[in-house]
Amino acid sequence: KAEDRPEAVVVRLYEAHGSTVVAWLQTSLPVKEAMLCDLLERPAARGCLPLEQQGVRLSFTPFHVLSILLLLRQ
């Protein structure tokens, strides 16, 4: 759960193989909005991530950590 937002979940993902990759984040949670955030859960300047049929498309560089803030429908 997010620290300051009861309607949100933070997901942190890490690229551990030293590769540049594209991945999809899929969930059964009722996500209404997804956005990149920093480690303090503040939304990043890049803004919202598009929600697609397959989920949320993410791009990783080697050993990169991504934090995604998922805002849920209530």
Protein backbone atom coordinates (compact mmCIF):
# COMPACT_ATOMS: atom_id res chain seq x y z
CA LYS A 1 0.00 0.00 0.00
CA ALA A 2 1.07 3.54 -0.66
CA GLU A 3 2.10 5.56 2.39
CA ASP A 4 -0.12 8.62 1.90
CA ARG A 5 -2.82 7.35 -0.48
CA PRO A 6 -5.22 4.70 0.81
CA GLU A 7 -6.57 4.17 -2.73
CA ALA A 8 -3.12 3.36 -4.18
CA VAL A 9 -0.53 0.60 -4.35
CA VAL A 10 3.17 1.07 -5.12
CA VAL A 11 4.94 -1.61 -7.17
CA ARG A 12 8.73 -1.60 -7.35
CA LEU A 13 10.41 -3.59 -10.11
CA TYR A 14 14.10 -4.24 -10.78
CA GLU A 15 15.95 -5.37 -13.91
CA ALA A 16 18.42 -7.91 -12.48
CA HIS A 17 20.10 -9.41 -15.57
CA GLY A 18 21.92 -6.36 -16.97
CA SER A 19 19.75 -6.09 -20.08
CA THR A 20 17.61 -3.46 -21.77
CA VAL A 21 14.12 -4.95 -21.86
CA VAL A 22 10.44 -4.22 -22.31
CA ALA A 23 8.05 -5.86 -19.87
CA TRP A 24 4.32 -5.81 -19.17
CA LEU A 25 2.86 -5.35 -15.71
CA GLN A 26 -0.47 -7.16 -15.44
CA THR A 27 -2.75 -7.25 -12.40
CA SER A 28 -6.27 -8.22 -11.44
CA LEU A 29 -6.57 -5.08 -9.28
CA PRO A 30 -9.07 -2.45 -10.49
CA VAL A 31 -6.46 0.06 -11.73
CA LYS A 32 -7.80 3.39 -12.96
CA GLU A 33 -4.44 5.12 -13.41
CA ALA A 34 -0.75 4.15 -13.40
CA MET A 35 2.20 6.50 -13.13
CA LEU A 36 5.91 6.37 -12.50
CA CYS A 37 6.95 7.70 -9.13
CA ASP A 38 10.14 8.22 -7.16
CA LEU A 39 11.16 6.33 -4.02
CA LEU A 40 9.15 8.78 -1.90
CA GLU A 41 6.05 7.99 -4.00
CA ARG A 42 5.93 11.42 -5.65
CA PRO A 43 4.70 11.24 -9.28
CA ALA A 44 7.53 11.54 -11.82
CA ALA A 45 7.68 14.30 -14.41
CA ARG A 46 6.97 11.79 -17.21
CA GLY A 47 3.39 11.53 -15.96
CA CYS A 48 0.86 8.78 -16.48
CA LEU A 49 1.55 5.43 -18.08
CA PRO A 50 -1.04 4.30 -20.62
CA LEU A 51 -3.23 1.38 -19.55
CA GLU A 52 -3.48 -1.12 -22.38
CA GLN A 53 -5.24 -4.45 -22.88
CA GLN A 54 -2.01 -6.30 -21.94
CA GLY A 55 -1.42 -4.12 -18.87
CA VAL A 56 1.19 -1.38 -18.44
CA ARG A 57 4.19 -1.41 -20.78
CA LEU A 58 7.50 -0.74 -19.02
CA SER A 59 11.00 -0.20 -20.40
CA PHE A 60 14.04 -1.09 -18.32
CA THR A 61 17.70 -0.29 -18.73
CA PRO A 62 20.33 -2.51 -17.04
CA PHE A 63 19.88 -2.78 -13.25
CA HIS A 64 17.20 -0.08 -13.27
CA VAL A 65 14.57 0.17 -10.49
CA LEU A 66 11.10 1.38 -11.48
CA SER A 67 8.46 2.46 -8.98
CA ILE A 68 4.90 2.50 -10.30
CA LEU A 69 2.02 4.09 -8.43
CA LEU A 70 -1.26 2.31 -9.20
CA LEU A 71 -4.37 4.31 -8.34
CA LEU A 72 -7.31 1.96 -7.77
CA ARG A 73 -11.02 2.41 -8.39
CA GLN A 74 -12.96 2.48 -5.17
